[in-house]
Amino acid sequence: KAIDLDNQWHLSLLEQCPNSILVDLIRN
């Protein structure tokens, strides 16, 4: 649960990034 929430925190931090390809790469 901690790992999942950590990943969620990082993606939420970056959700306003206008480069969706960059965010998808981080998610991968």
mmCIF file of all heavy atoms, coordinates in Angstrom:
data_MODEL
# 
_entry.id   MODEL 
# 
loop_
_atom_site.group_PDB 
_atom_site.id 
_atom_site.type_symbol 
_atom_site.label_atom_id 
_atom_site.label_alt_id 
_atom_site.label_comp_id 
_atom_site.label_asym_id 
_atom_site.label_entity_id 
_atom_site.label_seq_id 
_atom_site.pdbx_PDB_ins_code 
_atom_site.Cartn_x 
_atom_site.Cartn_y 
_atom_site.Cartn_z 
_atom_site.occupancy 
_atom_site.B_iso_or_equiv 
_atom_site.pdbx_formal_charge 
_atom_site.auth_seq_id 
_atom_site.auth_comp_id 
_atom_site.auth_asym_id 
_atom_site.auth_atom_id 
_atom_site.pdbx_PDB_model_num 
ATOM 1   N N   . LYS A 1 1  ? 0.834  -1.197 0.000   1.00 0.00 ? 1  LYS A N   1 
ATOM 2   C CA  . LYS A 1 1  ? 0.000  0.000  0.000   1.00 0.00 ? 1  LYS A CA  1 
ATOM 3   C C   . LYS A 1 1  ? 0.870  1.250  0.000   1.00 0.00 ? 1  LYS A C   1 
ATOM 4   O O   . LYS A 1 1  ? 0.569  2.224  -0.712  1.00 0.00 ? 1  LYS A O   1 
ATOM 5   C CB  . LYS A 1 1  ? -0.915 -0.008 1.223   1.00 0.00 ? 1  LYS A CB  1 
ATOM 6   C CG  . LYS A 1 1  ? -1.925 1.143  1.250   1.00 0.00 ? 1  LYS A CG  1 
ATOM 7   C CD  . LYS A 1 1  ? -2.907 1.033  0.105   1.00 0.00 ? 1  LYS A CD  1 
ATOM 8   C CE  . LYS A 1 1  ? -3.998 2.086  0.196   1.00 0.00 ? 1  LYS A CE  1 
ATOM 9   N NZ  . LYS A 1 1  ? -4.936 2.013  -0.949  1.00 0.00 ? 1  LYS A NZ  1 
ATOM 10  N N   . ALA A 1 2  ? 1.936  1.248  0.783   1.00 0.00 ? 2  ALA A N   1 
ATOM 11  C CA  . ALA A 1 2  ? 2.840  2.401  0.821   1.00 0.00 ? 2  ALA A CA  1 
ATOM 12  C C   . ALA A 1 2  ? 3.470  2.645  -0.543  1.00 0.00 ? 2  ALA A C   1 
ATOM 13  O O   . ALA A 1 2  ? 3.576  3.797  -0.992  1.00 0.00 ? 2  ALA A O   1 
ATOM 14  C CB  . ALA A 1 2  ? 3.919  2.182  1.876   1.00 0.00 ? 2  ALA A CB  1 
ATOM 15  N N   . ILE A 1 3  ? 3.876  1.578  -1.215  1.00 0.00 ? 3  ILE A N   1 
ATOM 16  C CA  . ILE A 1 3  ? 4.496  1.723  -2.540  1.00 0.00 ? 3  ILE A CA  1 
ATOM 17  C C   . ILE A 1 3  ? 3.491  2.277  -3.539  1.00 0.00 ? 3  ILE A C   1 
ATOM 18  O O   . ILE A 1 3  ? 3.801  3.187  -4.319  1.00 0.00 ? 3  ILE A O   1 
ATOM 19  C CB  . ILE A 1 3  ? 5.047  0.364  -3.013  1.00 0.00 ? 3  ILE A CB  1 
ATOM 20  C CG1 . ILE A 1 3  ? 6.247  -0.042 -2.152  1.00 0.00 ? 3  ILE A CG1 1 
ATOM 21  C CG2 . ILE A 1 3  ? 5.453  0.426  -4.489  1.00 0.00 ? 3  ILE A CG2 1 
ATOM 22  C CD1 . ILE A 1 3  ? 6.672  -1.475 -2.336  1.00 0.00 ? 3  ILE A CD1 1 
ATOM 23  N N   . ASP A 1 4  ? 2.269  1.752  -3.513  1.00 0.00 ? 4  ASP A N   1 
ATOM 24  C CA  . ASP A 1 4  ? 1.244  2.232  -4.436  1.00 0.00 ? 4  ASP A CA  1 
ATOM 25  C C   . ASP A 1 4  ? 0.940  3.711  -4.193  1.00 0.00 ? 4  ASP A C   1 
ATOM 26  O O   . ASP A 1 4  ? 0.774  4.490  -5.139  1.00 0.00 ? 4  ASP A O   1 
ATOM 27  C CB  . ASP A 1 4  ? -0.028 1.400  -4.293  1.00 0.00 ? 4  ASP A CB  1 
ATOM 28  C CG  . ASP A 1 4  ? 0.127  -0.002 -4.840  1.00 0.00 ? 4  ASP A CG  1 
ATOM 29  O OD1 . ASP A 1 4  ? 1.098  -0.246 -5.596  1.00 0.00 ? 4  ASP A OD1 1 
ATOM 30  O OD2 . ASP A 1 4  ? -0.695 -0.868 -4.514  1.00 0.00 ? 4  ASP A OD2 1 
ATOM 31  N N   . LEU A 1 5  ? 0.857  4.108  -2.925  1.00 0.00 ? 5  LEU A N   1 
ATOM 32  C CA  . LEU A 1 5  ? 0.575  5.504  -2.603  1.00 0.00 ? 5  LEU A CA  1 
ATOM 33  C C   . LEU A 1 5  ? 1.749  6.412  -2.941  1.00 0.00 ? 5  LEU A C   1 
ATOM 34  O O   . LEU A 1 5  ? 1.563  7.560  -3.346  1.00 0.00 ? 5  LEU A O   1 
ATOM 35  C CB  . LEU A 1 5  ? 0.215  5.636  -1.119  1.00 0.00 ? 5  LEU A CB  1 
ATOM 36  C CG  . LEU A 1 5  ? -1.157 5.081  -0.727  1.00 0.00 ? 5  LEU A CG  1 
ATOM 37  C CD1 . LEU A 1 5  ? -1.305 5.033  0.793   1.00 0.00 ? 5  LEU A CD1 1 
ATOM 38  C CD2 . LEU A 1 5  ? -2.283 5.918  -1.340  1.00 0.00 ? 5  LEU A CD2 1 
ATOM 39  N N   . ASP A 1 6  ? 2.965  5.888  -2.805  1.00 0.00 ? 6  ASP A N   1 
ATOM 40  C CA  . ASP A 1 6  ? 4.145  6.662  -3.190  1.00 0.00 ? 6  ASP A CA  1 
ATOM 41  C C   . ASP A 1 6  ? 4.114  6.946  -4.693  1.00 0.00 ? 6  ASP A C   1 
ATOM 42  O O   . ASP A 1 6  ? 4.355  8.078  -5.135  1.00 0.00 ? 6  ASP A O   1 
ATOM 43  C CB  . ASP A 1 6  ? 5.409  5.899  -2.811  1.00 0.00 ? 6  ASP A CB  1 
ATOM 44  C CG  . ASP A 1 6  ? 6.679  6.650  -3.199  1.00 0.00 ? 6  ASP A CG  1 
ATOM 45  O OD1 . ASP A 1 6  ? 6.860  7.783  -2.716  1.00 0.00 ? 6  ASP A OD1 1 
ATOM 46  O OD2 . ASP A 1 6  ? 7.476  6.117  -3.981  1.00 0.00 ? 6  ASP A OD2 1 
ATOM 47  N N   . ASN A 1 7  ? 3.818  5.927  -5.478  1.00 0.00 ? 7  ASN A N   1 
ATOM 48  C CA  . ASN A 1 7  ? 3.712  6.127  -6.928  1.00 0.00 ? 7  ASN A CA  1 
ATOM 49  C C   . ASN A 1 7  ? 2.593  7.101  -7.270  1.00 0.00 ? 7  ASN A C   1 
ATOM 50  O O   . ASN A 1 7  ? 2.739  7.963  -8.148  1.00 0.00 ? 7  ASN A O   1 
ATOM 51  C CB  . ASN A 1 7  ? 3.477  4.789  -7.631  1.00 0.00 ? 7  ASN A CB  1 
ATOM 52  C CG  . ASN A 1 7  ? 4.729  3.934  -7.686  1.00 0.00 ? 7  ASN A CG  1 
ATOM 53  O OD1 . ASN A 1 7  ? 5.837  4.448  -7.635  1.00 0.00 ? 7  ASN A OD1 1 
ATOM 54  N ND2 . ASN A 1 7  ? 4.551  2.631  -7.776  1.00 0.00 ? 7  ASN A ND2 1 
ATOM 55  N N   . GLN A 1 8  ? 1.469  6.975  -6.560  1.00 0.00 ? 8  GLN A N   1 
ATOM 56  C CA  . GLN A 1 8  ? 0.349  7.884  -6.783  1.00 0.00 ? 8  GLN A CA  1 
ATOM 57  C C   . GLN A 1 8  ? 0.741  9.322  -6.445  1.00 0.00 ? 8  GLN A C   1 
ATOM 58  O O   . GLN A 1 8  ? 0.371  10.264 -7.152  1.00 0.00 ? 8  GLN A O   1 
ATOM 59  C CB  . GLN A 1 8  ? -0.851 7.446  -5.932  1.00 0.00 ? 8  GLN A CB  1 
ATOM 60  C CG  . GLN A 1 8  ? -2.118 8.238  -6.195  1.00 0.00 ? 8  GLN A CG  1 
ATOM 61  C CD  . GLN A 1 8  ? -3.276 7.767  -5.338  1.00 0.00 ? 8  GLN A CD  1 
ATOM 62  O OE1 . GLN A 1 8  ? -3.287 6.655  -4.814  1.00 0.00 ? 8  GLN A OE1 1 
ATOM 63  N NE2 . GLN A 1 8  ? -4.272 8.618  -5.166  1.00 0.00 ? 8  GLN A NE2 1 
ATOM 64  N N   . TRP A 1 9  ? 1.508  9.498  -5.372  1.00 0.00 ? 9  TRP A N   1 
ATOM 65  C CA  . TRP A 1 9  ? 1.956  10.838 -4.970  1.00 0.00 ? 9  TRP A CA  1 
ATOM 66  C C   . TRP A 1 9  ? 2.808  11.469 -6.075  1.00 0.00 ? 9  TRP A C   1 
ATOM 67  O O   . TRP A 1 9  ? 2.620  12.621 -6.438  1.00 0.00 ? 9  TRP A O   1 
ATOM 68  C CB  . TRP A 1 9  ? 2.744  10.750 -3.669  1.00 0.00 ? 9  TRP A CB  1 
ATOM 69  C CG  . TRP A 1 9  ? 3.114  12.080 -3.088  1.00 0.00 ? 9  TRP A CG  1 
ATOM 70  C CD1 . TRP A 1 9  ? 2.399  12.821 -2.200  1.00 0.00 ? 9  TRP A CD1 1 
ATOM 71  C CD2 . TRP A 1 9  ? 4.311  12.839 -3.363  1.00 0.00 ? 9  TRP A CD2 1 
ATOM 72  N NE1 . TRP A 1 9  ? 3.057  13.992 -1.909  1.00 0.00 ? 9  TRP A NE1 1 
ATOM 73  C CE2 . TRP A 1 9  ? 4.229  14.023 -2.605  1.00 0.00 ? 9  TRP A CE2 1 
ATOM 74  C CE3 . TRP A 1 9  ? 5.425  12.620 -4.171  1.00 0.00 ? 9  TRP A CE3 1 
ATOM 75  C CZ2 . TRP A 1 9  ? 5.238  15.008 -2.633  1.00 0.00 ? 9  TRP A CZ2 1 
ATOM 76  C CZ3 . TRP A 1 9  ? 6.425  13.593 -4.213  1.00 0.00 ? 9  TRP A CZ3 1 
ATOM 77  C CH2 . TRP A 1 9  ? 6.327  14.760 -3.452  1.00 0.00 ? 9  TRP A CH2 1 
ATOM 78  N N   . HIS A 1 10 ? 3.750  10.688 -6.594  1.00 0.00 ? 10 HIS A N   1 
ATOM 79  C CA  . HIS A 1 10 ? 4.636  11.225 -7.626  1.00 0.00 ? 10 HIS A CA  1 
ATOM 80  C C   . HIS A 1 10 ? 3.872  11.585 -8.895  1.00 0.00 ? 10 HIS A C   1 
ATOM 81  O O   . HIS A 1 10 ? 4.124  12.634 -9.513  1.00 0.00 ? 10 HIS A O   1 
ATOM 82  C CB  . HIS A 1 10 ? 5.752  10.234 -7.930  1.00 0.00 ? 10 HIS A CB  1 
ATOM 83  C CG  . HIS A 1 10 ? 6.852  10.243 -6.919  1.00 0.00 ? 10 HIS A CG  1 
ATOM 84  N ND1 . HIS A 1 10 ? 7.920  11.113 -6.971  1.00 0.00 ? 10 HIS A ND1 1 
ATOM 85  C CD2 . HIS A 1 10 ? 7.036  9.499  -5.796  1.00 0.00 ? 10 HIS A CD2 1 
ATOM 86  C CE1 . HIS A 1 10 ? 8.710  10.907 -5.937  1.00 0.00 ? 10 HIS A CE1 1 
ATOM 87  N NE2 . HIS A 1 10 ? 8.204  9.927  -5.211  1.00 0.00 ? 10 HIS A NE2 1 
ATOM 88  N N   . LEU A 1 11 ? 2.928  10.741 -9.300  1.00 0.00 ? 11 LEU A N   1 
ATOM 89  C CA  . LEU A 1 11 ? 2.146  11.055 -10.496 1.00 0.00 ? 11 LEU A CA  1 
ATOM 90  C C   . LEU A 1 11 ? 1.239  12.256 -10.264 1.00 0.00 ? 11 LEU A C   1 
ATOM 91  O O   . LEU A 1 11 ? 1.041  13.071 -11.171 1.00 0.00 ? 11 LEU A O   1 
ATOM 92  C CB  . LEU A 1 11 ? 1.329  9.832  -10.918 1.00 0.00 ? 11 LEU A CB  1 
ATOM 93  C CG  . LEU A 1 11 ? 2.138  8.663  -11.497 1.00 0.00 ? 11 LEU A CG  1 
ATOM 94  C CD1 . LEU A 1 11 ? 1.241  7.456  -11.731 1.00 0.00 ? 11 LEU A CD1 1 
ATOM 95  C CD2 . LEU A 1 11 ? 2.837  9.072  -12.795 1.00 0.00 ? 11 LEU A CD2 1 
ATOM 96  N N   . SER A 1 12 ? 0.694  12.389 -9.054  1.00 0.00 ? 12 SER A N   1 
ATOM 97  C CA  . SER A 1 12 ? -0.144 13.543 -8.734  1.00 0.00 ? 12 SER A CA  1 
ATOM 98  C C   . SER A 1 12 ? 0.683  14.824 -8.733  1.00 0.00 ? 12 SER A C   1 
ATOM 99  O O   . SER A 1 12 ? 0.211  15.886 -9.160  1.00 0.00 ? 12 SER A O   1 
ATOM 100 C CB  . SER A 1 12 ? -0.813 13.355 -7.368  1.00 0.00 ? 12 SER A CB  1 
ATOM 101 O OG  . SER A 1 12 ? -1.697 12.254 -7.384  1.00 0.00 ? 12 SER A OG  1 
ATOM 102 N N   . LEU A 1 13 ? 1.914  14.730 -8.260  1.00 0.00 ? 13 LEU A N   1 
ATOM 103 C CA  . LEU A 1 13 ? 2.810  15.879 -8.265  1.00 0.00 ? 13 LEU A CA  1 
ATOM 104 C C   . LEU A 1 13 ? 3.050  16.390 -9.684  1.00 0.00 ? 13 LEU A C   1 
ATOM 105 O O   . LEU A 1 13 ? 3.197  17.600 -9.908  1.00 0.00 ? 13 LEU A O   1 
ATOM 106 C CB  . LEU A 1 13 ? 4.144  15.491 -7.613  1.00 0.00 ? 13 LEU A CB  1 
ATOM 107 C CG  . LEU A 1 13 ? 5.240  16.568 -7.547  1.00 0.00 ? 13 LEU A CG  1 
ATOM 108 C CD1 . LEU A 1 13 ? 4.833  17.686 -6.581  1.00 0.00 ? 13 LEU A CD1 1 
ATOM 109 C CD2 . LEU A 1 13 ? 6.569  15.943 -7.116  1.00 0.00 ? 13 LEU A CD2 1 
ATOM 110 N N   . LEU A 1 14 ? 3.059  15.473 -10.642 1.00 0.00 ? 14 LEU A N   1 
ATOM 111 C CA  . LEU A 1 14 ? 3.407  15.814 -12.018 1.00 0.00 ? 14 LEU A CA  1 
ATOM 112 C C   . LEU A 1 14 ? 2.198  15.944 -12.940 1.00 0.00 ? 14 LEU A C   1 
ATOM 113 O O   . LEU A 1 14 ? 2.360  16.124 -14.148 1.00 0.00 ? 14 LEU A O   1 
ATOM 114 C CB  . LEU A 1 14 ? 4.351  14.745 -12.591 1.00 0.00 ? 14 LEU A CB  1 
ATOM 115 C CG  . LEU A 1 14 ? 5.604  14.433 -11.761 1.00 0.00 ? 14 LEU A CG  1 
ATOM 116 C CD1 . LEU A 1 14 ? 6.384  13.293 -12.408 1.00 0.00 ? 14 LEU A CD1 1 
ATOM 117 C CD2 . LEU A 1 14 ? 6.472  15.667 -11.600 1.00 0.00 ? 14 LEU A CD2 1 
ATOM 118 N N   . GLU A 1 15 ? 0.993  15.897 -12.385 1.00 0.00 ? 15 GLU A N   1 
ATOM 119 C CA  . GLU A 1 15 ? -0.192 15.803 -13.238 1.00 0.00 ? 15 GLU A CA  1 
ATOM 120 C C   . GLU A 1 15 ? -0.425 17.046 -14.098 1.00 0.00 ? 15 GLU A C   1 
ATOM 121 O O   . GLU A 1 15 ? -1.120 16.974 -15.118 1.00 0.00 ? 15 GLU A O   1 
ATOM 122 C CB  . GLU A 1 15 ? -1.435 15.501 -12.399 1.00 0.00 ? 15 GLU A CB  1 
ATOM 123 C CG  . GLU A 1 15 ? -1.847 16.600 -11.452 1.00 0.00 ? 15 GLU A CG  1 
ATOM 124 C CD  . GLU A 1 15 ? -3.060 16.203 -10.621 1.00 0.00 ? 15 GLU A CD  1 
ATOM 125 O OE1 . GLU A 1 15 ? -3.551 15.064 -10.809 1.00 0.00 ? 15 GLU A OE1 1 
ATOM 126 O OE2 . GLU A 1 15 ? -3.508 17.017 -9.799  1.00 0.00 ? 15 GLU A OE2 1 
ATOM 127 N N   . GLN A 1 16 ? 0.155  18.185 -13.719 1.00 0.00 ? 16 GLN A N   1 
ATOM 128 C CA  . GLN A 1 16 ? -0.008 19.393 -14.522 1.00 0.00 ? 16 GLN A CA  1 
ATOM 129 C C   . GLN A 1 16 ? 1.059  19.531 -15.602 1.00 0.00 ? 16 GLN A C   1 
ATOM 130 O O   . GLN A 1 16 ? 1.079  20.526 -16.336 1.00 0.00 ? 16 GLN A O   1 
ATOM 131 C CB  . GLN A 1 16 ? 0.016  20.623 -13.610 1.00 0.00 ? 16 GLN A CB  1 
ATOM 132 C CG  . GLN A 1 16 ? -1.125 20.686 -12.605 1.00 0.00 ? 16 GLN A CG  1 
ATOM 133 C CD  . GLN A 1 16 ? -2.489 20.668 -13.275 1.00 0.00 ? 16 GLN A CD  1 
ATOM 134 O OE1 . GLN A 1 16 ? -2.703 21.379 -14.252 1.00 0.00 ? 16 GLN A OE1 1 
ATOM 135 N NE2 . GLN A 1 16 ? -3.399 19.851 -12.769 1.00 0.00 ? 16 GLN A NE2 1 
ATOM 136 N N   . CYS A 1 17 ? 1.935  18.538 -15.709 1.00 0.00 ? 17 CYS A N   1 
ATOM 137 C CA  . CYS A 1 17 ? 2.973  18.591 -16.750 1.00 0.00 ? 17 CYS A CA  1 
ATOM 138 C C   . CYS A 1 17 ? 2.304  18.551 -18.123 1.00 0.00 ? 17 CYS A C   1 
ATOM 139 O O   . CYS A 1 17 ? 1.510  17.647 -18.399 1.00 0.00 ? 17 CYS A O   1 
ATOM 140 C CB  . CYS A 1 17 ? 3.937  17.418 -16.598 1.00 0.00 ? 17 CYS A CB  1 
ATOM 141 S SG  . CYS A 1 17 ? 5.180  17.333 -17.921 1.00 0.00 ? 17 CYS A SG  1 
ATOM 142 N N   . PRO A 1 18 ? 2.599  19.505 -18.998 1.00 0.00 ? 18 PRO A N   1 
ATOM 143 C CA  . PRO A 1 18 ? 1.936  19.543 -20.303 1.00 0.00 ? 18 PRO A CA  1 
ATOM 144 C C   . PRO A 1 18 ? 2.439  18.485 -21.288 1.00 0.00 ? 18 PRO A C   1 
ATOM 145 O O   . PRO A 1 18 ? 1.824  18.286 -22.335 1.00 0.00 ? 18 PRO A O   1 
ATOM 146 C CB  . PRO A 1 18 ? 2.257  20.955 -20.812 1.00 0.00 ? 18 PRO A CB  1 
ATOM 147 C CG  . PRO A 1 18 ? 3.569  21.297 -20.158 1.00 0.00 ? 18 PRO A CG  1 
ATOM 148 C CD  . PRO A 1 18 ? 3.516  20.649 -18.807 1.00 0.00 ? 18 PRO A CD  1 
ATOM 149 N N   . ASN A 1 19 ? 3.539  17.817 -20.955 1.00 0.00 ? 19 ASN A N   1 
ATOM 150 C CA  . ASN A 1 19 ? 4.106  16.805 -21.856 1.00 0.00 ? 19 ASN A CA  1 
ATOM 151 C C   . ASN A 1 19 ? 3.619  15.426 -21.422 1.00 0.00 ? 19 ASN A C   1 
ATOM 152 O O   . ASN A 1 19 ? 4.199  14.792 -20.543 1.00 0.00 ? 19 ASN A O   1 
ATOM 153 C CB  . ASN A 1 19 ? 5.634  16.873 -21.833 1.00 0.00 ? 19 ASN A CB  1 
ATOM 154 C CG  . ASN A 1 19 ? 6.274  16.026 -22.927 1.00 0.00 ? 19 ASN A CG  1 
ATOM 155 O OD1 . ASN A 1 19 ? 5.778  14.962 -23.270 1.00 0.00 ? 19 ASN A OD1 1 
ATOM 156 N ND2 . ASN A 1 19 ? 7.378  16.512 -23.476 1.00 0.00 ? 19 ASN A ND2 1 
ATOM 157 N N   . SER A 1 20 ? 2.547  14.969 -22.050 1.00 0.00 ? 20 SER A N   1 
ATOM 158 C CA  . SER A 1 20 ? 1.942  13.694 -21.646 1.00 0.00 ? 20 SER A CA  1 
ATOM 159 C C   . SER A 1 20 ? 2.855  12.513 -21.960 1.00 0.00 ? 20 SER A C   1 
ATOM 160 O O   . SER A 1 20 ? 2.816  11.492 -21.259 1.00 0.00 ? 20 SER A O   1 
ATOM 161 C CB  . SER A 1 20 ? 0.588  13.507 -22.333 1.00 0.00 ? 20 SER A CB  1 
ATOM 162 O OG  . SER A 1 20 ? 0.729  13.508 -23.749 1.00 0.00 ? 20 SER A OG  1 
ATOM 163 N N   . ILE A 1 21 ? 3.671  12.616 -22.994 1.00 0.00 ? 21 ILE A N   1 
ATOM 164 C CA  . ILE A 1 21 ? 4.589  11.525 -23.325 1.00 0.00 ? 21 ILE A CA  1 
ATOM 165 C C   . ILE A 1 21 ? 5.627  11.359 -22.220 1.00 0.00 ? 21 ILE A C   1 
ATOM 166 O O   . ILE A 1 21 ? 5.978  10.235 -21.840 1.00 0.00 ? 21 ILE A O   1 
ATOM 167 C CB  . ILE A 1 21 ? 5.273  11.790 -24.680 1.00 0.00 ? 21 ILE A CB  1 
ATOM 168 C CG1 . ILE A 1 21 ? 4.227  11.760 -25.804 1.00 0.00 ? 21 ILE A CG1 1 
ATOM 169 C CG2 . ILE A 1 21 ? 6.369  10.763 -24.956 1.00 0.00 ? 21 ILE A CG2 1 
ATOM 170 C CD1 . ILE A 1 21 ? 4.775  12.108 -27.169 1.00 0.00 ? 21 ILE A CD1 1 
ATOM 171 N N   . LEU A 1 22 ? 6.114  12.458 -21.679 1.00 0.00 ? 22 LEU A N   1 
ATOM 172 C CA  . LEU A 1 22 ? 7.069  12.405 -20.582 1.00 0.00 ? 22 LEU A CA  1 
ATOM 173 C C   . LEU A 1 22 ? 6.453  11.733 -19.368 1.00 0.00 ? 22 LEU A C   1 
ATOM 174 O O   . LEU A 1 22 ? 7.077  10.864 -18.736 1.00 0.00 ? 22 LEU A O   1 
ATOM 175 C CB  . LEU A 1 22 ? 7.538  13.816 -20.237 1.00 0.00 ? 22 LEU A CB  1 
ATOM 176 C CG  . LEU A 1 22 ? 8.458  13.972 -19.013 1.00 0.00 ? 22 LEU A CG  1 
ATOM 177 C CD1 . LEU A 1 22 ? 9.697  13.107 -19.146 1.00 0.00 ? 22 LEU A CD1 1 
ATOM 178 C CD2 . LEU A 1 22 ? 8.827  15.437 -18.823 1.00 0.00 ? 22 LEU A CD2 1 
ATOM 179 N N   . VAL A 1 23 ? 5.224  12.091 -19.028 1.00 0.00 ? 23 VAL A N   1 
ATOM 180 C CA  . VAL A 1 23 ? 4.558  11.494 -17.869 1.00 0.00 ? 23 VAL A CA  1 
ATOM 181 C C   . VAL A 1 23 ? 4.286  10.012 -18.111 1.00 0.00 ? 23 VAL A C   1 
ATOM 182 O O   . VAL A 1 23 ? 4.445  9.183  -17.205 1.00 0.00 ? 23 VAL A O   1 
ATOM 183 C CB  . VAL A 1 23 ? 3.250  12.242 -17.545 1.00 0.00 ? 23 VAL A CB  1 
ATOM 184 C CG1 . VAL A 1 23 ? 2.502  11.561 -16.401 1.00 0.00 ? 23 VAL A CG1 1 
ATOM 185 C CG2 . VAL A 1 23 ? 3.547  13.694 -17.173 1.00 0.00 ? 23 VAL A CG2 1 
ATOM 186 N N   . ASP A 1 24 ? 3.897  9.649  -19.324 1.00 0.00 ? 24 ASP A N   1 
ATOM 187 C CA  . ASP A 1 24 ? 3.677  8.232  -19.642 1.00 0.00 ? 24 ASP A CA  1 
ATOM 188 C C   . ASP A 1 24 ? 4.970  7.428  -19.506 1.00 0.00 ? 24 ASP A C   1 
ATOM 189 O O   . ASP A 1 24 ? 4.950  6.277  -19.057 1.00 0.00 ? 24 ASP A O   1 
ATOM 190 C CB  . ASP A 1 24 ? 3.128  8.080  -21.063 1.00 0.00 ? 24 ASP A CB  1 
ATOM 191 C CG  . ASP A 1 24 ? 1.657  8.457  -21.165 1.00 0.00 ? 24 ASP A CG  1 
ATOM 192 O OD1 . ASP A 1 24 ? 0.998  8.554  -20.112 1.00 0.00 ? 24 ASP A OD1 1 
ATOM 193 O OD2 . ASP A 1 24 ? 1.176  8.669  -22.298 1.00 0.00 ? 24 ASP A OD2 1 
ATOM 194 N N   . LEU A 1 25 ? 6.080  8.033  -19.893 1.00 0.00 ? 25 LEU A N   1 
ATOM 195 C CA  . LEU A 1 25 ? 7.371  7.364  -19.758 1.00 0.00 ? 25 LEU A CA  1 
ATOM 196 C C   . LEU A 1 25 ? 7.703  7.136  -18.287 1.00 0.00 ? 25 LEU A C   1 
ATOM 197 O O   . LEU A 1 25 ? 8.162  6.041  -17.905 1.00 0.00 ? 25 LEU A O   1 
ATOM 198 C CB  . LEU A 1 25 ? 8.461  8.187  -20.429 1.00 0.00 ? 25 LEU A CB  1 
ATOM 199 C CG  . LEU A 1 25 ? 9.890  7.617  -20.398 1.00 0.00 ? 25 LEU A CG  1 
ATOM 200 C CD1 . LEU A 1 25 ? 9.925  6.224  -21.007 1.00 0.00 ? 25 LEU A CD1 1 
ATOM 201 C CD2 . LEU A 1 25 ? 10.849 8.543  -21.132 1.00 0.00 ? 25 LEU A CD2 1 
ATOM 202 N N   . ILE A 1 26 ? 7.450  8.124  -17.456 1.00 0.00 ? 26 ILE A N   1 
ATOM 203 C CA  . ILE A 1 26 ? 7.678  7.973  -16.012 1.00 0.00 ? 26 ILE A CA  1 
ATOM 204 C C   . ILE A 1 26 ? 6.780  6.885  -15.448 1.00 0.00 ? 26 ILE A C   1 
ATOM 205 O O   . ILE A 1 26 ? 7.215  6.048  -14.651 1.00 0.00 ? 26 ILE A O   1 
ATOM 206 C CB  . ILE A 1 26 ? 7.434  9.317  -15.307 1.00 0.00 ? 26 ILE A CB  1 
ATOM 207 C CG1 . ILE A 1 26 ? 8.522  10.323 -15.688 1.00 0.00 ? 26 ILE A CG1 1 
ATOM 208 C CG2 . ILE A 1 26 ? 7.390  9.133  -13.784 1.00 0.00 ? 26 ILE A CG2 1 
ATOM 209 C CD1 . ILE A 1 26 ? 8.247  11.737 -15.243 1.00 0.00 ? 26 ILE A CD1 1 
ATOM 210 N N   . ARG A 1 27 ? 5.526  6.861  -15.884 1.00 0.00 ? 27 ARG A N   1 
ATOM 211 C CA  . ARG A 1 27 ? 4.587  5.841  -15.405 1.00 0.00 ? 27 ARG A CA  1 
ATOM 212 C C   . ARG A 1 27 ? 5.073  4.438  -15.795 1.00 0.00 ? 27 ARG A C   1 
ATOM 213 O O   . ARG A 1 27 ? 4.994  3.499  -15.005 1.00 0.00 ? 27 ARG A O   1 
ATOM 214 C CB  . ARG A 1 27 ? 3.196  6.116  -15.973 1.00 0.00 ? 27 ARG A CB  1 
ATOM 215 C CG  . ARG A 1 27 ? 2.115  5.179  -15.428 1.00 0.00 ? 27 ARG A CG  1 
ATOM 216 C CD  . ARG A 1 27 ? 0.764  5.488  -16.020 1.00 0.00 ? 27 ARG A CD  1 
ATOM 217 N NE  . ARG A 1 27 ? 0.227  6.745  -15.508 1.00 0.00 ? 27 ARG A NE  1 
ATOM 218 C CZ  . ARG A 1 27 ? 0.121  7.869  -16.226 1.00 0.00 ? 27 ARG A CZ  1 
ATOM 219 N NH1 . ARG A 1 27 ? 0.537  7.899  -17.491 1.00 0.00 ? 27 ARG A NH1 1 
ATOM 220 N NH2 . ARG A 1 27 ? -0.399 8.956  -15.695 1.00 0.00 ? 27 ARG A NH2 1 
ATOM 221 N N   . ASN A 1 28 ? 5.580  4.300  -17.012 1.00 0.00 ? 28 ASN A N   1 
ATOM 222 C CA  . ASN A 1 28 ? 6.098  3.010  -17.472 1.00 0.00 ? 28 ASN A CA  1 
ATOM 223 C C   . ASN A 1 28 ? 7.300  2.576  -16.640 1.00 0.00 ? 28 ASN A C   1 
ATOM 224 O O   . ASN A 1 28 ? 7.419  1.396  -16.269 1.00 0.00 ? 28 ASN A O   1 
ATOM 225 C CB  . ASN A 1 28 ? 6.475  3.105  -18.952 1.00 0.00 ? 28 ASN A CB  1 
ATOM 226 C CG  . ASN A 1 28 ? 7.086  1.829  -19.486 1.00 0.00 ? 28 ASN A CG  1 
ATOM 227 O OD1 . ASN A 1 28 ? 8.302  1.660  -19.486 1.00 0.00 ? 28 ASN A OD1 1 
ATOM 228 N ND2 . ASN A 1 28 ? 6.249  0.907  -19.936 1.00 0.00 ? 28 ASN A ND2 1 
# 
